[in-house]
Protein backbone atom coordinates (compact mmCIF):
# COMPACT_ATOMS: atom_id res chain seq x y z
CA MET A 1 32.12 78.51 170.21
CA ARG A 2 31.42 81.83 171.86
CA LEU A 3 32.16 84.93 170.27
CA ALA A 4 32.07 88.48 171.22
CA GLY A 5 33.20 91.82 169.70
CA ALA A 6 33.53 93.09 166.09
CA GLY A 7 30.83 90.92 164.92
CA ALA A 8 28.40 90.82 167.95
CA GLY A 9 29.14 94.44 169.82
CA THR A 10 27.91 97.40 169.45
CA ALA A 11 31.13 98.83 169.91
CA ALA A 12 32.71 97.54 166.72
CA GLY A 13 29.83 98.71 164.94
CA ALA A 14 30.50 101.80 165.86
CA ALA A 15 33.77 101.70 165.61
CA ALA A 16 32.93 100.42 161.73
CA GLY A 17 31.04 103.57 161.16
CA ALA A 18 33.55 105.64 162.67
CA GLU A 19 35.93 104.46 159.93
CA VAL A 20 33.42 104.75 157.30
CA LYS A 21 32.84 108.36 157.78
CA GLU A 22 36.83 108.86 158.00
CA SER A 23 37.26 107.26 154.74
CA ASP A 24 34.57 109.60 153.11
CA ALA A 25 36.04 112.30 154.06
CA ASP A 26 39.44 111.49 152.55
CA SER A 27 37.78 109.65 149.32
CA ASP A 28 40.20 111.93 146.72
CA ALA A 29 43.12 110.33 148.82
CA GLY A 30 42.14 106.65 148.70
CA TYR A 31 42.84 104.82 151.92
CA SER A 32 42.62 107.19 154.95
CA GLY A 33 45.82 107.29 157.24
CA SER A 34 44.08 104.75 159.99
CA GLU A 35 43.15 102.24 157.01
CA ILE A 36 46.64 102.14 155.95
CA LEU A 37 47.59 101.59 159.20
CA LYS A 38 45.31 98.44 159.67
CA LEU A 39 46.45 97.44 156.52
CA THR A 40 50.05 97.29 157.02
CA LYS A 41 50.22 96.47 161.37
CA PRO A 42 50.21 92.79 161.94
CA LEU A 43 46.98 91.16 163.52
CA GLU A 44 47.47 91.08 167.38
CA ILE A 45 46.14 87.30 169.07
CA LEU A 46 45.87 87.35 172.19
CA VAL A 47 46.56 83.85 173.65
CA VAL A 48 44.89 83.70 177.48
CA SER A 49 44.72 80.91 179.88
CA ASP A 50 44.51 79.82 183.32
CA ALA A 51 47.30 77.39 182.80
CA THR A 52 50.00 77.30 180.09
CA GLY A 53 48.06 78.08 177.05
CA ALA A 54 50.04 76.19 175.22
CA THR A 55 47.39 74.20 173.52
CA ALA A 56 45.59 77.03 172.60
CA GLU A 57 48.55 78.79 170.64
CA ALA A 58 48.94 75.59 169.15
CA VAL A 59 45.57 76.08 167.65
CA VAL A 60 45.98 79.41 166.65
CA ARG A 61 49.35 78.89 164.94
CA SER A 62 47.94 75.81 162.91
CA THR A 63 45.24 77.86 162.03
CA LEU A 64 47.63 81.03 161.06
CA VAL A 65 49.53 78.41 158.71
CA GLN A 66 46.49 78.33 156.49
CA PHE A 67 47.25 82.14 155.72
CA GLY A 68 51.09 81.95 154.28
CA ARG A 69 52.68 84.66 155.46
CA ALA A 70 50.19 86.72 156.69
CA SER A 71 51.15 89.18 158.96
CA ALA A 72 50.19 88.09 162.68
CA ARG A 73 51.79 88.27 166.14
CA VAL A 74 50.50 86.00 168.99
CA ARG A 75 51.28 86.87 172.61
CA ARG A 76 50.47 84.33 175.17
CA PHE A 77 49.15 85.13 178.59
CA PRO A 78 49.65 82.11 180.66
CA PHE A 79 48.69 81.60 184.51
CA THR A 80 45.98 84.17 184.36
CA ARG A 81 43.68 83.29 187.28
CA SER A 82 41.87 86.82 188.54
CA VAL A 83 40.25 89.20 186.87
CA ASP A 84 42.89 92.04 187.54
CA GLN A 85 45.45 90.26 185.47
CA LEU A 86 42.40 90.33 183.00
CA ARG A 87 42.06 93.90 183.11
CA THR A 88 46.20 94.34 183.23
CA ILE A 89 46.38 92.45 179.82
CA PHE A 90 43.22 94.58 178.10
CA ASP A 91 44.70 97.53 179.41
CA ASP A 92 47.69 97.29 176.85
CA VAL A 93 45.61 96.60 173.96
CA ASP A 94 44.05 99.18 172.19
CA PRO A 95 40.34 98.67 171.50
CA GLY A 96 39.12 96.94 168.53
CA GLU A 97 42.35 96.06 167.19
CA ALA A 98 43.05 92.09 168.71
CA ILE A 99 41.56 89.04 169.08
CA VAL A 100 41.13 87.47 171.97
CA VAL A 101 41.55 83.15 172.63
CA PHE A 102 41.19 81.77 175.96
CA THR A 103 40.85 78.95 177.62
CA PHE A 104 39.49 79.06 181.27
CA VAL A 105 38.16 76.53 183.03
CA SER A 106 36.34 79.11 185.69
CA ARG A 107 33.20 80.38 184.76
CA GLU A 108 33.93 83.80 186.82
CA LEU A 109 37.12 84.45 184.32
CA SER A 110 35.20 83.47 181.18
CA GLU A 111 32.56 85.87 181.46
CA SER A 112 35.04 88.54 182.63
CA VAL A 113 37.20 88.34 179.38
CA VAL A 114 34.05 88.36 177.46
CA ASP A 115 33.03 91.57 178.85
CA LEU A 116 36.04 93.33 178.88
CA GLY A 117 36.04 92.28 174.91
CA ARG A 118 33.05 93.65 174.54
CA GLN A 119 34.03 96.85 176.33
CA ARG A 120 36.94 97.42 174.17
CA GLY A 121 35.52 96.67 171.15
CA LEU A 122 37.50 92.95 170.46
CA VAL A 123 36.70 90.07 169.19
CA VAL A 124 36.77 86.95 172.23
CA LEU A 125 36.92 83.39 171.31
CA ASP A 126 36.23 80.68 173.97
CA LEU A 127 38.01 77.64 172.64
CA LEU A 128 37.30 75.42 175.94
CA GLY A 129 33.54 76.18 177.12
CA PRO A 130 31.62 75.00 174.53
CA LEU A 131 32.91 72.05 174.83
CA MET A 132 33.09 71.52 178.47
CA ASN A 133 28.85 72.42 177.95
CA ILE A 134 28.54 69.46 175.51
CA PHE A 135 30.52 67.08 177.44
CA SER A 136 29.02 67.93 180.00
CA ASP A 137 25.24 67.13 178.98
CA ALA A 138 26.56 63.93 177.17
CA LEU A 139 28.33 62.29 179.87
CA GLN A 140 25.66 63.51 182.63
CA SER A 141 28.53 65.12 184.92
CA MET A 142 29.74 68.72 186.13
CA PRO A 143 33.67 69.41 185.34
CA SER A 144 35.70 69.55 187.86
CA ARG A 145 36.91 73.10 186.57
CA THR A 146 40.37 72.97 187.81
CA PRO A 147 43.10 74.73 186.09
CA GLY A 148 45.88 73.03 184.50
CA ALA A 149 44.07 69.63 185.44
CA PHE A 150 45.04 68.22 181.95
CA ARG A 151 48.87 69.55 182.05
CA GLY A 152 49.36 67.41 185.35
CA GLN A 153 48.32 64.18 183.69
CA SER A 154 50.28 65.27 180.15
CA GLU A 155 53.62 67.19 181.28
CA ASP A 156 55.72 65.72 178.30
CA MET A 157 52.91 66.47 175.85
CA PHE A 158 53.02 70.44 176.69
CA LYS A 159 56.85 69.78 176.29
CA VAL A 160 56.91 68.58 173.14
CA ILE A 161 54.36 71.27 171.96
CA GLU A 162 56.46 74.09 173.03
CA ALA A 163 59.93 72.03 171.25
CA ILE A 164 58.27 72.14 168.33
CA HIS A 165 57.04 75.66 168.25
CA PHE A 166 60.50 76.99 169.42
CA THR A 167 62.12 74.42 166.52
CA ARG A 168 59.57 76.02 163.46
CA ARG A 169 60.10 79.53 164.67
CA HIS A 170 64.26 78.96 164.59
CA ASP A 171 64.21 76.90 161.48
CA ASP A 172 66.78 77.93 158.32
CA GLY A 173 68.47 80.72 160.76
CA GLN A 174 65.25 82.61 161.85
CA GLY A 175 65.10 83.78 165.36
CA LEU A 176 68.67 84.99 166.21
CA GLU A 177 67.77 86.83 168.77
CA SER A 178 66.25 83.81 171.09
CA PHE A 179 69.14 81.00 169.85
CA ASP A 180 70.44 81.42 173.48
CA GLU A 181 67.45 79.45 174.60
CA ALA A 182 67.74 76.53 172.14
CA ASP A 183 68.77 72.98 173.55
CA LEU A 184 70.88 72.31 170.32
CA ILE A 185 71.76 73.93 167.12
CA ILE A 186 72.51 71.77 163.53
CA LEU A 187 74.34 73.63 161.05
CA GLY A 188 74.80 72.78 157.58
CA VAL A 189 74.76 73.43 153.91
CA SER A 190 71.62 73.33 152.17
CA ARG A 191 69.63 70.12 151.27
CA THR A 192 71.27 68.12 154.04
CA GLY A 193 68.15 67.29 156.23
CA LYS A 194 68.76 70.32 159.15
CA THR A 195 64.71 70.81 159.37
CA PRO A 196 63.04 67.53 159.24
CA THR A 197 66.01 66.36 161.59
CA SER A 198 65.47 69.54 163.85
CA ILE A 199 61.91 68.65 163.67
CA PHE A 200 62.26 65.23 164.55
CA LEU A 201 64.35 65.90 167.48
CA SER A 202 61.43 68.54 169.02
CA CYS A 203 59.26 65.86 168.92
CA ARG A 204 61.67 64.46 171.98
CA LYS A 205 61.09 67.44 173.77
CA LEU A 206 64.54 69.30 172.34
CA LYS A 207 64.28 72.68 171.51
CA VAL A 208 66.15 72.80 168.29
CA ALA A 209 67.60 75.83 166.03
CA ASN A 210 69.15 75.11 162.85
CA VAL A 211 71.15 77.45 160.82
CA PRO A 212 72.30 77.53 156.92
CA ILE A 213 75.78 77.64 155.97
CA ILE A 214 75.89 79.47 152.67
CA ASN A 215 78.96 80.26 150.51
CA GLU A 216 80.74 83.35 151.45
CA VAL A 217 77.87 84.40 154.18
CA PRO A 218 79.43 85.05 157.55
CA LEU A 219 78.09 83.13 160.34
CA PRO A 220 75.95 85.27 162.70
CA GLU A 221 77.66 86.00 165.92
CA GLU A 222 74.33 84.72 167.65
CA VAL A 223 75.04 81.24 166.66
CA ARG A 224 78.82 81.26 168.05
CA LEU A 225 77.83 83.13 170.76
CA ALA A 226 74.84 80.72 171.65
CA THR A 227 75.87 78.23 174.89
CA ALA A 228 73.87 74.97 172.84
CA PRO A 229 75.64 72.24 171.78
CA LYS A 230 76.38 72.83 168.27
CA VAL A 231 76.62 69.60 165.36
CA GLY A 232 77.71 70.38 161.84
CA PHE A 233 76.24 68.23 159.25
CA THR A 234 78.32 67.03 156.06
CA MET A 235 77.22 65.02 153.05
CA ASP A 236 79.12 63.34 150.28
CA LEU A 237 79.30 65.81 147.37
CA ASP A 238 77.90 62.83 144.52
CA ARG A 239 74.84 62.71 146.94
CA GLN A 240 74.44 66.54 147.42
CA ILE A 241 74.41 66.83 143.63
CA GLN A 242 71.69 64.12 143.37
CA VAL A 243 69.34 65.32 146.08
CA ARG A 244 69.62 69.44 144.67
CA THR A 245 68.73 68.01 141.03
CA GLU A 246 66.26 66.07 141.96
CA ARG A 247 64.66 69.22 144.01
CA ALA A 248 65.20 71.44 141.38
CA GLY A 249 63.13 69.09 138.81
CA ARG A 250 60.30 68.62 142.05
CA MET A 251 60.15 72.41 141.62
CA GLY A 252 60.06 72.95 138.09
CA THR A 253 62.64 75.42 138.31
CA ARG A 254 66.37 75.99 137.45
CA ILE A 255 68.03 77.96 140.12
CA PRO A 256 71.33 79.12 138.88
CA GLY A 257 74.88 76.93 140.47
CA TYR A 258 72.52 75.16 143.13
CA SER A 259 72.86 71.56 141.74
CA ASP A 260 76.64 72.53 139.69
CA ARG A 261 79.33 70.24 141.23
CA SER A 262 81.72 73.03 141.48
CA HIS A 263 79.34 75.77 143.23
CA ILE A 264 78.61 72.85 145.52
CA MET A 265 82.47 72.03 146.28
CA ARG A 266 82.67 76.07 147.05
CA GLU A 267 80.18 75.41 149.05
CA ILE A 268 81.26 72.35 151.14
CA ASP A 269 85.04 73.83 151.43
CA TYR A 270 83.40 77.19 153.02
CA CYS A 271 81.18 75.50 155.15
CA SER A 272 84.23 73.14 156.56
CA ARG A 273 86.00 76.40 157.24
CA ILE A 274 83.12 77.61 159.14
CA TYR A 275 82.99 74.53 161.05
CA ARG A 276 86.96 74.84 161.97
CA SER A 277 86.35 78.30 163.53
CA ILE A 278 83.53 76.97 166.00
CA THR A 279 84.91 75.64 169.30
CA GLY A 280 83.54 72.40 170.73
CA ILE A 281 81.32 71.89 167.32
CA ARG A 282 80.48 68.25 166.52
CA ILE A 283 80.43 67.26 163.14
CA VAL A 284 78.39 64.31 161.67
CA ASP A 285 78.35 62.63 158.11
CA VAL A 286 74.70 62.04 157.08
CA THR A 287 75.33 60.72 153.74
CA ASN A 288 74.08 57.35 154.47
CA ARG A 289 71.94 57.90 157.78
CA SER A 290 68.23 58.31 157.77
CA ILE A 291 66.53 61.03 160.28
CA GLU A 292 66.17 59.06 163.06
CA GLU A 293 69.92 57.27 162.51
CA THR A 294 71.37 60.76 162.81
CA SER A 295 68.96 61.95 165.44
CA ASP A 296 69.94 59.25 167.68
CA TRP A 297 73.84 59.91 166.54
CA ILE A 298 73.10 63.07 168.19
CA THR A 299 71.36 61.88 171.19
CA HIS A 300 74.69 59.85 171.99
CA HIS A 301 77.23 61.61 170.84
CA VAL A 302 76.20 65.23 171.26
CA LEU A 303 73.93 65.87 174.21
């Protein structure tokens, strides 16, 4: 894979030198102001593509998962098909402050993004070009270099990828600001299977958000205002106690009240009150249902 920028260009070397001098000048105070800022700012990752960029973003996010809760901001720029568009994207990035991952079938755009990256001291990574070169040699054939050709053949796959990404970003009450983009919202107390059911449904191209119902914690207004169909999960009390007790045992820790009968009863009672306050919500008992069965019920009775 082709890299340009911090590890390969002189601009990054100069920037690194400037940082060393600034640190030396401020050595009595420890980190300099700019170094502290770099430690606290999220890593900026730009995904640039002449098609949707969904596959490249999937690769980036799959890699980021290996770094736990490391702070990173991923921005995708799809259907970038001119050098002017590239310049506009790069003009919005501080020199030396981002990693650019791109997938272009156009040789001109590939060369342009590398050149622009070098000029601004950025690390630039070509995901597609090296693989096309290897395949070209092995197959004794030239690539068509048609942007979005794979998408045309695999539209469904891209929809699945986008749905999975949305669902992961809206797990456990996250991403409230974009709940209005969901195809479905699942609610329920802890350990009722909200997350695995959401992921299963996302593989059917559905953008699913799920929200935990926590005792005496008000339901976010964004959930009430969202127009997506809503489904509430319920589970038998004894089954709830069993599931939570087993989970606490696997974790090797004791969470006060987590698997206590009276605590769970209060949670279930509060959850029922929340459900009654939501107009149009459908309720499903998941006690004896598998994830697949619950998903089928939702597909046929809610969507």
